[in-house]
C-alpha atoms as a PDB file:
ATOM      1  CA  MET A   1      38.218  -6.542  38.193  1.00  0.00           C
ATOM      2  CA  ASN A   2      35.227  -4.213  38.204  1.00  0.00           C
ATOM      3  CA  SER A   3      32.623  -5.739  40.527  1.00  0.00           C
ATOM      4  CA  GLY A   4      29.847  -3.422  39.369  1.00  0.00           C
ATOM      5  CA  PRO A   5      26.808  -4.501  37.366  1.00  0.00           C
ATOM      6  CA  LEU A   6      27.400  -5.732  33.838  1.00  0.00           C
ATOM      7  CA  GLY A   7      25.569  -4.032  31.007  1.00  0.00           C
ATOM      8  CA  MET A   8      24.978  -4.554  27.304  1.00  0.00           C
ATOM      9  CA  SER A   9      23.745  -2.305  24.540  1.00  0.00           C
ATOM     10  CA  SER A  10      20.330  -2.870  23.008  1.00  0.00           C
ATOM     11  CA  SER A  11      19.898  -5.047  19.924  1.00  0.00           C
ATOM     12  CA  THR A  12      17.270  -5.202  17.212  1.00  0.00           C
ATOM     13  CA  SER A  13      14.767  -8.049  17.285  1.00  0.00           C
ATOM     14  CA  GLU A  14      15.929  -9.477  13.956  1.00  0.00           C
ATOM     15  CA  PHE A  15      19.545  -9.718  15.186  1.00  0.00           C
ATOM     16  CA  CYS A  16      18.381 -11.376  18.391  1.00  0.00           C
ATOM     17  CA  GLY A  17      16.251 -13.774  16.390  1.00  0.00           C
ATOM     18  CA  SER A  18      19.197 -14.776  14.231  1.00  0.00           C
ATOM     19  CA  CYS A  19      21.361 -15.368  17.294  1.00  0.00           C
ATOM     20  CA  GLY A  20      18.635 -17.563  18.798  1.00  0.00           C
ATOM     21  CA  LEU A  21      17.950 -19.491  15.622  1.00  0.00           C
ATOM     22  CA  GLN A  22      20.627 -22.151  15.644  1.00  0.00           C
ATOM     23  CA  GLY A  23      23.827 -23.340  17.230  1.00  0.00           C
ATOM     24  CA  GLY A  24      27.019 -24.528  15.600  1.00  0.00           C
ATOM     25  CA  THR A  25      27.495 -23.622  11.943  1.00  0.00           C
ATOM     26  CA  TYR A  26      26.311 -20.334  10.480  1.00  0.00           C
ATOM     27  CA  LEU A  27      28.652 -19.632   7.562  1.00  0.00           C
ATOM     28  CA  ASP A  28      26.925 -18.325   4.425  1.00  0.00           C
ATOM     29  CA  GLN A  29      23.450 -19.292   5.464  1.00  0.00           C
ATOM     30  CA  ALA A  30      20.537 -16.896   4.998  1.00  0.00           C
ATOM     31  CA  TYR A  31      18.446 -15.890   8.011  1.00  0.00           C
ATOM     32  CA  PRO A  32      15.080 -14.536   6.805  1.00  0.00           C
ATOM     33  CA  GLY A  33      13.549 -12.832   9.792  1.00  0.00           C
ATOM     34  CA  THR A  34      10.487 -10.692   9.316  1.00  0.00           C
ATOM     35  CA  PRO A  35      11.299  -9.176   6.862  1.00  0.00           C
ATOM     36  CA  HIS A  36      15.154  -9.340   6.877  1.00  0.00           C
ATOM     37  CA  ARG A  37      17.607 -11.640   5.100  1.00  0.00           C
ATOM     38  CA  PHE A  38      21.032 -11.972   6.726  1.00  0.00           C
ATOM     39  CA  PRO A  39      23.789 -13.901   4.946  1.00  0.00           C
ATOM     40  CA  ILE A  40      27.036 -14.241   6.921  1.00  0.00           C
ATOM     41  CA  SER A  41      30.425 -14.776   5.276  1.00  0.00           C
ATOM     42  CA  GLU A  42      34.107 -14.901   6.141  1.00  0.00           C
ATOM     43  CA  GLN A  43      34.998 -12.356   3.452  1.00  0.00           C
ATOM     44  CA  PRO A  44      33.282  -9.009   2.702  1.00  0.00           C
ATOM     45  CA  LEU A  45      30.853  -9.236  -0.216  1.00  0.00           C
ATOM     46  CA  PHE A  46      29.219  -6.166  -1.733  1.00  0.00           C
ATOM     47  CA  VAL A  47      25.686  -6.778  -3.017  1.00  0.00           C
ATOM     48  CA  PRO A  48      23.841  -4.042  -4.979  1.00  0.00           C
ATOM     49  CA  GLY A  49      20.647  -3.005  -3.203  1.00  0.00           C
ATOM     50  CA  VAL A  50      21.662  -4.816   0.000  1.00  0.00           C
ATOM     51  CA  TRP A  51      23.147  -3.218   3.103  1.00  0.00           C
ATOM     52  CA  GLY A  52      26.666  -4.072   4.173  1.00  0.00           C
ATOM     53  CA  PRO A  53      28.973  -5.804   4.372  1.00  0.00           C
ATOM     54  CA  CYS A  54      29.371  -5.021   8.076  1.00  0.00           C
ATOM     55  CA  LEU A  55      32.127  -6.628  10.142  1.00  0.00           C
ATOM     56  CA  SER A  56      31.109  -8.228  13.457  1.00  0.00           C
ATOM     57  CA  ALA A  57      27.597  -6.796  13.206  1.00  0.00           C
ATOM     58  CA  MET A  58      26.085 -10.024  14.506  1.00  0.00           C
ATOM     59  CA  VAL A  59      28.838 -12.635  14.860  1.00  0.00           C
ATOM     60  CA  PRO A  60      32.363 -11.466  15.798  1.00  0.00           C
ATOM     61  CA  ASP A  61      34.886 -11.466  12.936  1.00  0.00           C
ATOM     62  CA  MET A  62      32.205 -12.396  10.377  1.00  0.00           C
ATOM     63  CA  TRP A  63      30.787 -10.170   7.638  1.00  0.00           C
ATOM     64  CA  LEU A  64      27.053  -9.505   7.520  1.00  0.00           C
ATOM     65  CA  ASN A  65      24.861  -8.353   4.629  1.00  0.00           C
ATOM     66  CA  GLU A  66      21.262  -7.338   5.204  1.00  0.00           C
ATOM     67  CA  GLY A  67      18.566  -7.446   2.567  1.00  0.00           C
ATOM     68  CA  GLY A  68      14.901  -7.100   3.276  1.00  0.00           C
ATOM     69  CA  GLN A  69      11.370  -6.465   2.098  1.00  0.00           C
ATOM     70  CA  SER A  70       9.492  -3.332   3.105  1.00  0.00           C
ATOM     71  CA  ALA A  71       6.453  -5.273   4.309  1.00  0.00           C
ATOM     72  CA  THR A  72       5.588  -8.930   4.762  1.00  0.00           C
ATOM     73  CA  GLY A  73       3.185  -9.631   7.620  1.00  0.00           C
ATOM     74  CA  ARG A  74       1.670  -6.169   7.210  1.00  0.00           C
ATOM     75  CA  LEU A  75       1.074  -6.830   3.515  1.00  0.00           C
ATOM     76  CA  ILE A  76      -0.638 -10.152   4.199  1.00  0.00           C
ATOM     77  CA  ASP A  77      -2.885  -8.439   6.768  1.00  0.00           C
ATOM     78  CA  HIS A  78      -3.667  -5.668   4.287  1.00  0.00           C
ATOM     79  CA  VAL A  79      -4.663  -8.097   1.536  1.00  0.00           C
ATOM     80  CA  VAL A  80      -6.740 -10.385   3.753  1.00  0.00           C
ATOM     81  CA  LYS A  81      -8.468  -7.835   5.999  1.00  0.00           C
ATOM     82  CA  GLY A  82      -9.214  -5.480   3.104  1.00  0.00           C
ATOM     83  CA  HIS A  83     -11.082  -8.140   1.118  1.00  0.00           C
ATOM     84  CA  THR A  84     -14.887  -8.139   0.959  1.00  0.00           C
ATOM     85  CA  ALA A  85     -15.006 -11.752   2.161  1.00  0.00           C
ATOM     86  CA  TYR A  86     -12.973 -11.067   5.324  1.00  0.00           C
ATOM     87  CA  SER A  87     -16.048 -10.919   7.586  1.00  0.00           C
ATOM     88  CA  GLN A  88     -17.189 -14.273   6.186  1.00  0.00           C
ATOM     89  CA  LEU A  89     -13.705 -15.653   6.859  1.00  0.00           C
ATOM     90  CA  GLN A  90     -13.902 -14.525  10.496  1.00  0.00           C
ATOM     91  CA  GLU A  91     -17.295 -16.194  10.929  1.00  0.00           C
ATOM     92  CA  LYS A  92     -16.091 -19.451   9.376  1.00  0.00           C
ATOM     93  CA  ALA A  93     -13.018 -19.567  11.600  1.00  0.00           C
ATOM     94  CA  GLN A  94     -15.102 -18.943  14.741  1.00  0.00           C
ATOM     95  CA  GLN A  95     -17.811 -21.462  13.816  1.00  0.00           C
ATOM     96  CA  ARG A  96     -15.493 -24.361  13.123  1.00  0.00           C
ATOM     97  CA  VAL A  97     -16.555 -27.376  15.215  1.00  0.00           C
ATOM     98  CA  PRO A  98     -14.846 -28.348  17.388  1.00  0.00           C
ATOM     99  CA  PHE A  99     -13.535 -24.832  17.971  1.00  0.00           C
ATOM    100  CA  THR A 100      -9.751 -24.958  18.142  1.00  0.00           C
ATOM    101  CA  GLY A 101      -9.012 -21.280  18.605  1.00  0.00           C
ATOM    102  CA  GLU A 102      -7.143 -21.155  15.295  1.00  0.00           C
ATOM    103  CA  ASN A 103      -6.670 -17.798  13.621  1.00  0.00           C
ATOM    104  CA  VAL A 104      -7.981 -16.788  10.218  1.00  0.00           C
ATOM    105  CA  TYR A 105      -4.683 -17.660   8.533  1.00  0.00           C
ATOM    106  CA  SER A 106      -4.756 -21.243   9.778  1.00  0.00           C
ATOM    107  CA  TYR A 107      -8.300 -21.450   8.459  1.00  0.00           C
ATOM    108  CA  LEU A 108      -7.191 -20.082   5.068  1.00  0.00           C
ATOM    109  CA  ASN A 109      -4.396 -22.658   4.920  1.00  0.00           C
ATOM    110  CA  SER A 110      -6.926 -25.444   5.541  1.00  0.00           C
ATOM    111  CA  HIS A 111      -9.365 -23.938   3.046  1.00  0.00           C
ATOM    112  CA  LEU A 112      -6.701 -23.864   0.321  1.00  0.00           C
ATOM    113  CA  SER A 113      -5.937 -27.531   0.972  1.00  0.00           C
ATOM    114  CA  LEU A 114      -9.624 -28.329   0.412  1.00  0.00           C
ATOM    115  CA  MET A 115      -9.639 -26.272  -2.797  1.00  0.00           C
ATOM    116  CA  ALA A 116      -6.681 -28.181  -4.231  1.00  0.00           C
ATOM    117  CA  ASN A 117      -7.137 -31.560  -5.825  1.00  0.00           C
ATOM    118  CA  SER A 118      -6.041 -34.448  -3.613  1.00  0.00           C
ATOM    119  CA  ASP A 119      -3.199 -35.250  -6.019  1.00  0.00           C
ATOM    120  CA  SER A 120      -2.217 -31.612  -6.655  1.00  0.00           C
ATOM    121  CA  ALA A 121      -0.092 -29.176  -4.635  1.00  0.00           C
ATOM    122  CA  VAL A 122      -1.762 -26.099  -3.146  1.00  0.00           C
ATOM    123  CA  ASP A 123       0.901 -23.976  -4.873  1.00  0.00           C
ATOM    124  CA  LEU A 124      -0.619 -24.659  -8.302  1.00  0.00           C
ATOM    125  CA  LEU A 125      -3.787 -22.788  -7.342  1.00  0.00           C
ATOM    126  CA  GLY A 126      -1.773 -19.605  -7.892  1.00  0.00           C
ATOM    127  CA  SER A 127      -1.093 -20.236 -11.564  1.00  0.00           C
ATOM    128  CA  SER A 128      -3.345 -17.440 -12.885  1.00  0.00           C
ATOM    129  CA  LEU A 129      -3.045 -14.854 -10.105  1.00  0.00           C
ATOM    130  CA  HIS A 130       0.188 -12.905  -9.734  1.00  0.00           C
ATOM    131  CA  VAL A 131       1.284 -10.264  -7.212  1.00  0.00           C
ATOM    132  CA  TRP A 132       4.181  -7.806  -7.132  1.00  0.00           C
ATOM    133  CA  PRO A 133       4.497  -7.271  -3.356  1.00  0.00           C
ATOM    134  CA  ASP A 134       6.075  -3.805  -3.158  1.00  0.00           C
ATOM    135  CA  PHE A 135       2.999  -2.013  -1.803  1.00  0.00           C
ATOM    136  CA  HIS A 136       5.384   0.019   0.361  1.00  0.00           C
ATOM    137  CA  GLY A 137       8.298   0.321  -2.072  1.00  0.00           C
ATOM    138  CA  ASN A 138      11.206  -2.045  -2.639  1.00  0.00           C
ATOM    139  CA  ARG A 139      13.993  -2.265  -0.113  1.00  0.00           C
ATOM    140  CA  SER A 140      16.109  -5.052  -1.645  1.00  0.00           C
ATOM    141  CA  PRO A 141      17.491  -5.798  -4.131  1.00  0.00           C
ATOM    142  CA  LEU A 142      16.134  -2.870  -6.195  1.00  0.00           C
ATOM    143  CA  ALA A 143      16.318  -0.207  -3.465  1.00  0.00           C
ATOM    144  CA  ASP A 144      13.468   1.761  -5.029  1.00  0.00           C
ATOM    145  CA  PRO A 145      10.891   3.287  -2.660  1.00  0.00           C
ATOM    146  CA  THR A 146       8.766   4.489  -5.593  1.00  0.00           C
ATOM    147  CA  LEU A 147       7.693   0.999  -6.678  1.00  0.00           C
ATOM    148  CA  LYS A 148       4.070   0.048  -6.071  1.00  0.00           C
ATOM    149  CA  GLY A 149       2.168  -3.179  -5.584  1.00  0.00           C
ATOM    150  CA  MET A 150       0.572  -4.963  -8.524  1.00  0.00           C
ATOM    151  CA  VAL A 151      -2.066  -7.690  -8.835  1.00  0.00           C
ATOM    152  CA  VAL A 152      -2.757  -9.410 -12.166  1.00  0.00           C
ATOM    153  CA  GLY A 153      -5.602 -11.885 -12.670  1.00  0.00           C
ATOM    154  CA  LEU A 154      -8.545 -10.462 -10.702  1.00  0.00           C
ATOM    155  CA  SER A 155     -12.179 -11.068 -11.591  1.00  0.00           C
ATOM    156  CA  LEU A 156     -15.505  -9.668 -10.376  1.00  0.00           C
ATOM    157  CA  SER A 157     -15.926 -12.612  -8.002  1.00  0.00           C
ATOM    158  CA  GLN A 158     -15.371 -11.814  -4.301  1.00  0.00           C
ATOM    159  CA  THR A 159     -15.985 -15.122  -2.554  1.00  0.00           C
ATOM    160  CA  LEU A 160     -14.035 -16.744   0.251  1.00  0.00           C
ATOM    161  CA  ASP A 161     -12.280 -18.833  -2.414  1.00  0.00           C
ATOM    162  CA  ASP A 162     -11.115 -15.640  -4.105  1.00  0.00           C
ATOM    163  CA  LEU A 163      -9.798 -14.306  -0.810  1.00  0.00           C
ATOM    164  CA  ALA A 164      -7.907 -17.552  -0.217  1.00  0.00           C
ATOM    165  CA  LEU A 165      -6.360 -17.406  -3.696  1.00  0.00           C
ATOM    166  CA  LEU A 166      -5.274 -13.787  -3.234  1.00  0.00           C
ATOM    167  CA  TYR A 167      -3.764 -14.713   0.142  1.00  0.00           C
ATOM    168  CA  LEU A 168      -1.882 -17.570  -1.533  1.00  0.00           C
ATOM    169  CA  ALA A 169      -0.648 -15.386  -4.394  1.00  0.00           C
ATOM    170  CA  THR A 170       0.583 -12.788  -1.902  1.00  0.00           C
ATOM    171  CA  ILE A 171       2.592 -15.364   0.066  1.00  0.00           C
ATOM    172  CA  GLN A 172       4.014 -16.691  -3.199  1.00  0.00           C
ATOM    173  CA  ALA A 173       5.018 -13.162  -4.209  1.00  0.00           C
ATOM    174  CA  LEU A 174       6.786 -12.606  -0.887  1.00  0.00           C
ATOM    175  CA  ALA A 175       8.639 -15.912  -1.323  1.00  0.00           C
ATOM    176  CA  LEU A 176       9.654 -14.935  -4.864  1.00  0.00           C
ATOM    177  CA  GLY A 177      10.796 -11.594  -3.436  1.00  0.00           C
ATOM    178  CA  THR A 178      13.044 -13.556  -1.086  1.00  0.00           C
ATOM    179  CA  LEU A 179      14.343 -15.511  -4.095  1.00  0.00           C
ATOM    180  CA  HIS A 180      15.012 -12.192  -5.870  1.00  0.00           C
ATOM    181  CA  ILE A 181      17.162 -11.068  -2.938  1.00  0.00           C
ATOM    182  CA  LEU A 182      18.960 -14.421  -2.697  1.00  0.00           C
ATOM    183  CA  GLU A 183      19.759 -14.352  -6.423  1.00  0.00           C
ATOM    184  CA  ALA A 184      21.399 -10.929  -6.017  1.00  0.00           C
ATOM    185  CA  MET A 185      23.405 -12.235  -3.069  1.00  0.00           C
ATOM    186  CA  LYS A 186      24.502 -15.317  -4.999  1.00  0.00           C
ATOM    187  CA  GLN A 187      25.622 -13.203  -7.949  1.00  0.00           C
ATOM    188  CA  ALA A 188      27.821 -11.235  -5.528  1.00  0.00           C
ATOM    189  CA  GLY A 189      29.520 -14.408  -4.270  1.00  0.00           C
ATOM    190  CA  HIS A 190      27.335 -15.787  -1.470  1.00  0.00           C
ATOM    191  CA  ASP A 191      26.826 -19.548  -1.620  1.00  0.00           C
ATOM    192  CA  ILE A 192      23.492 -19.908   0.146  1.00  0.00           C
ATOM    193  CA  ARG A 193      22.182 -23.454   0.486  1.00  0.00           C
ATOM    194  CA  THR A 194      19.897 -23.218   3.529  1.00  0.00           C
ATOM    195  CA  LEU A 195      17.348 -20.787   4.931  1.00  0.00           C
ATOM    196  CA  PHE A 196      16.942 -20.322   8.680  1.00  0.00           C
ATOM    197  CA  LEU A 197      13.551 -18.788   9.368  1.00  0.00           C
ATOM    198  CA  CYS A 198      12.362 -17.010  12.509  1.00  0.00           C
ATOM    199  CA  GLY A 199       9.774 -14.433  13.462  1.00  0.00           C
ATOM    200  CA  GLY A 200       6.000 -14.521  13.616  1.00  0.00           C
ATOM    201  CA  LEU A 201       5.512 -15.771  10.062  1.00  0.00           C
ATOM    202  CA  SER A 202       7.665 -18.831  10.779  1.00  0.00           C
ATOM    203  CA  LYS A 203       4.602 -20.128  12.673  1.00  0.00           C
ATOM    204  CA  ASN A 204       2.582 -20.124   9.456  1.00  0.00           C
ATOM    205  CA  SER A 205       3.175 -23.555   7.904  1.00  0.00           C
ATOM    206  CA  LEU A 206       2.049 -22.487   4.418  1.00  0.00           C
ATOM    207  CA  PHE A 207       4.359 -19.441   4.459  1.00  0.00           C
ATOM    208  CA  VAL A 208       7.296 -21.670   5.436  1.00  0.00           C
ATOM    209  CA  GLN A 209       6.569 -24.385   2.852  1.00  0.00           C
ATOM    210  CA  ILE A 210       6.111 -21.917   0.017  1.00  0.00           C
ATOM    211  CA  HIS A 211       9.429 -20.257   0.875  1.00  0.00           C
ATOM    212  CA  ALA A 212      11.088 -23.658   0.627  1.00  0.00           C
ATOM    213  CA  ASN A 213       9.307 -24.449  -2.643  1.00  0.00           C
ATOM    214  CA  ALA A 214       9.907 -21.084  -4.313  1.00  0.00           C
ATOM    215  CA  THR A 215      13.592 -20.837  -3.396  1.00  0.00           C
ATOM    216  CA  GLY A 216      14.339 -24.548  -3.786  1.00  0.00           C
ATOM    217  CA  LEU A 217      16.133 -24.481  -0.424  1.00  0.00           C
ATOM    218  CA  PRO A 218      15.493 -26.332   2.846  1.00  0.00           C
ATOM    219  CA  VAL A 219      14.062 -24.114   5.570  1.00  0.00           C
ATOM    220  CA  VAL A 220      15.272 -24.682   9.134  1.00  0.00           C
ATOM    221  CA  LEU A 221      13.041 -23.628  12.012  1.00  0.00           C
ATOM    222  CA  PRO A 222      14.253 -23.063  15.572  1.00  0.00           C
ATOM    223  CA  ASP A 223      13.596 -25.612  18.291  1.00  0.00           C
ATOM    224  CA  GLN A 224      12.107 -22.801  20.379  1.00  0.00           C
ATOM    225  CA  MET A 225       9.663 -20.790  18.276  1.00  0.00           C
ATOM    226  CA  GLU A 226      10.368 -17.580  20.206  1.00  0.00           C
ATOM    227  CA  ALA A 227      13.867 -17.335  18.723  1.00  0.00           C
ATOM    228  CA  VAL A 228      14.082 -13.604  19.440  1.00  0.00           C
ATOM    229  CA  LEU A 229      13.825 -14.268  23.191  1.00  0.00           C
ATOM    230  CA  VAL A 230      16.433 -17.049  22.944  1.00  0.00           C
ATOM    231  CA  GLY A 231      18.726 -14.691  21.027  1.00  0.00           C
ATOM    232  CA  ALA A 232      18.332 -12.012  23.700  1.00  0.00           C
ATOM    233  CA  ALA A 233      19.264 -14.640  26.291  1.00  0.00           C
ATOM    234  CA  VAL A 234      22.308 -15.606  24.184  1.00  0.00           C
ATOM    235  CA  LEU A 235      23.501 -11.997  24.160  1.00  0.00           C
ATOM    236  CA  GLY A 236      22.781 -11.656  27.878  1.00  0.00           C
ATOM    237  CA  ALA A 237      24.793 -14.810  28.615  1.00  0.00           C
ATOM    238  CA  CYS A 238      27.732 -13.318  26.711  1.00  0.00           C
ATOM    239  CA  ALA A 239      27.424 -10.030  28.559  1.00  0.00           C
ATOM    240  CA  SER A 240      27.416 -11.839  31.914  1.00  0.00           C
ATOM    241  CA  ARG A 241      30.441 -13.891  30.776  1.00  0.00           C
ATOM    242  CA  ASP A 242      28.665 -17.220  31.185  1.00  0.00           C
ATOM    243  CA  TYR A 243      30.175 -18.058  27.807  1.00  0.00           C
ATOM    244  CA  SER A 244      33.451 -16.905  26.322  1.00  0.00           C
ATOM    245  CA  ASN A 245      31.975 -15.724  23.013  1.00  0.00           C
ATOM    246  CA  ILE A 246      28.722 -15.516  21.092  1.00  0.00           C
ATOM    247  CA  GLN A 247      29.546 -18.583  18.996  1.00  0.00           C
ATOM    248  CA  GLU A 248      29.786 -20.755  22.111  1.00  0.00           C
ATOM    249  CA  ALA A 249      26.568 -19.286  23.523  1.00  0.00           C
ATOM    250  CA  MET A 250      24.698 -19.903  20.264  1.00  0.00           C
ATOM    251  CA  GLU A 251      25.938 -23.483  20.123  1.00  0.00           C
ATOM    252  CA  LYS A 252      24.895 -24.230  23.705  1.00  0.00           C
ATOM    253  CA  MET A 253      21.615 -22.327  23.908  1.00  0.00           C
ATOM    254  CA  ALA A 254      20.091 -22.289  20.409  1.00  0.00           C
ATOM    255  CA  LYS A 255      18.938 -25.543  18.833  1.00  0.00           C
ATOM    256  CA  VAL A 256      17.693 -26.545  15.407  1.00  0.00           C
ATOM    257  CA  GLY A 257      14.083 -27.711  15.220  1.00  0.00           C
ATOM    258  CA  LYS A 258      12.078 -28.820  12.200  1.00  0.00           C
ATOM    259  CA  VAL A 259      13.602 -28.800   8.704  1.00  0.00           C
ATOM    260  CA  VAL A 260      11.123 -28.182   5.862  1.00  0.00           C
ATOM    261  CA  GLN A 261      12.275 -29.546   2.508  1.00  0.00           C
ATOM    262  CA  PRO A 262      11.181 -28.030  -0.829  1.00  0.00           C
ATOM    263  CA  ASN A 263       8.644 -29.923  -2.927  1.00  0.00           C
ATOM    264  CA  ARG A 264      10.581 -30.659  -6.124  1.00  0.00           C
ATOM    265  CA  GLU A 265       7.356 -31.443  -7.988  1.00  0.00           C
ATOM    266  CA  VAL A 266       6.516 -27.713  -8.142  1.00  0.00           C
ATOM    267  CA  GLN A 267      10.007 -26.566  -9.150  1.00  0.00           C
ATOM    268  CA  SER A 268       9.089 -25.895 -12.800  1.00  0.00           C
ATOM    269  CA  PHE A 269       5.931 -24.081 -11.646  1.00  0.00           C
ATOM    270  CA  TYR A 270       7.968 -21.636  -9.584  1.00  0.00           C
ATOM    271  CA  GLU A 271      10.556 -21.204 -12.331  1.00  0.00           C
ATOM    272  CA  ARG A 272       7.746 -20.005 -14.608  1.00  0.00           C
ATOM    273  CA  LYS A 273       6.073 -17.950 -11.890  1.00  0.00           C
ATOM    274  CA  TYR A 274       9.399 -16.242 -11.106  1.00  0.00           C
ATOM    275  CA  LYS A 275       9.675 -15.179 -14.751  1.00  0.00           C
ATOM    276  CA  VAL A 276       6.216 -13.615 -14.470  1.00  0.00           C
ATOM    277  CA  PHE A 277       7.298 -11.990 -11.191  1.00  0.00           C
ATOM    278  CA  LEU A 278      10.281 -10.299 -12.853  1.00  0.00           C
ATOM    279  CA  GLN A 279       8.165  -9.203 -15.816  1.00  0.00           C
ATOM    280  CA  LEU A 280       5.749  -7.469 -13.458  1.00  0.00           C
ATOM    281  CA  PHE A 281       8.644  -5.278 -12.325  1.00  0.00           C
ATOM    282  CA  SER A 282       9.769  -4.620 -15.904  1.00  0.00           C
ATOM    283  CA  HIS A 283       6.232  -3.701 -16.941  1.00  0.00           C
ATOM    284  CA  GLN A 284       5.854  -1.279 -14.036  1.00  0.00           C
ATOM    285  CA  ARG A 285       9.042   0.471 -15.114  1.00  0.00           C
ATOM    286  CA  GLU A 286       7.682   0.656 -18.664  1.00  0.00           C
ATOM    287  CA  TYR A 287       4.392   2.149 -17.452  1.00  0.00           C
ATOM    288  CA  GLN A 288       6.238   4.756 -15.400  1.00  0.00           C
ATOM    289  CA  ALA A 289       8.386   5.704 -18.383  1.00  0.00           C
ATOM    290  CA  LEU A 290       5.333   6.041 -20.646  1.00  0.00           C
ATOM    291  CA  MET A 291       3.474   8.267 -18.187  1.00  0.00           C
ATOM    292  CA  ASN A 292       6.529  10.386 -17.419  1.00  0.00           C
ATOM    293  CA  HIS A 293       7.156  11.036 -21.118  1.00  0.00           C
ATOM    294  CA  THR A 294       6.170  14.553 -22.217  1.00  0.00           C
END
């Protein structure tokens, strides 16, 4: 046997994150990293606008599809930091007593909770503000880099409340974009019943809950929030032959943490908002056709 040093090829962060997300079962679940969606299946499934299927791309002898959004965290930053009330938001977050060191997004989450009625879900605040999130084109499932972002429902007001509502509508749009991808995958034969979420945005409780609510699926978070580092360790343990295969390493080293269930009381709200979401895309196509007509 070769006694030299063992080596392994590099891996992308989203693949590492998926490997470090859970142990045990992984068949036909969706792994939304930031901003990737990875369903795994025993048989190859071809999904329009989605990469793959690729054999053994992440788990040996399993087929992987990869759908994704062109921007998620970057889009949220763009919307929040580009708003007139952003400086006021920074001041409010820093002046909170006692100071907890929370970031502006944690403050926005708390602010939205205060804006909502005590007996009403925060989600419902987004009933009159709608976003199409393809500010950097659409990767999946439309595969159209020419698409642009859209916002419907703006007013002349530019208060901190308005910033919070735009932030909420943007997160809702990203969640509906995930639903759009999942629907395409389901139509191709995937039977997705659970989301496993990792990446930086998995630390944002509102982002996680809205993804559960909009898709109607439970969202599983990793026991260790830095799932990418755990996944890298899983791959390293396989390379060093501490485990016989990646499945065994995932089962031993990656653990399930919190499970976030969807709020069924807002199901009809998101069914209606998803219809608006799809119409935004249809309208943009219509506008392009009108302006391209000579």
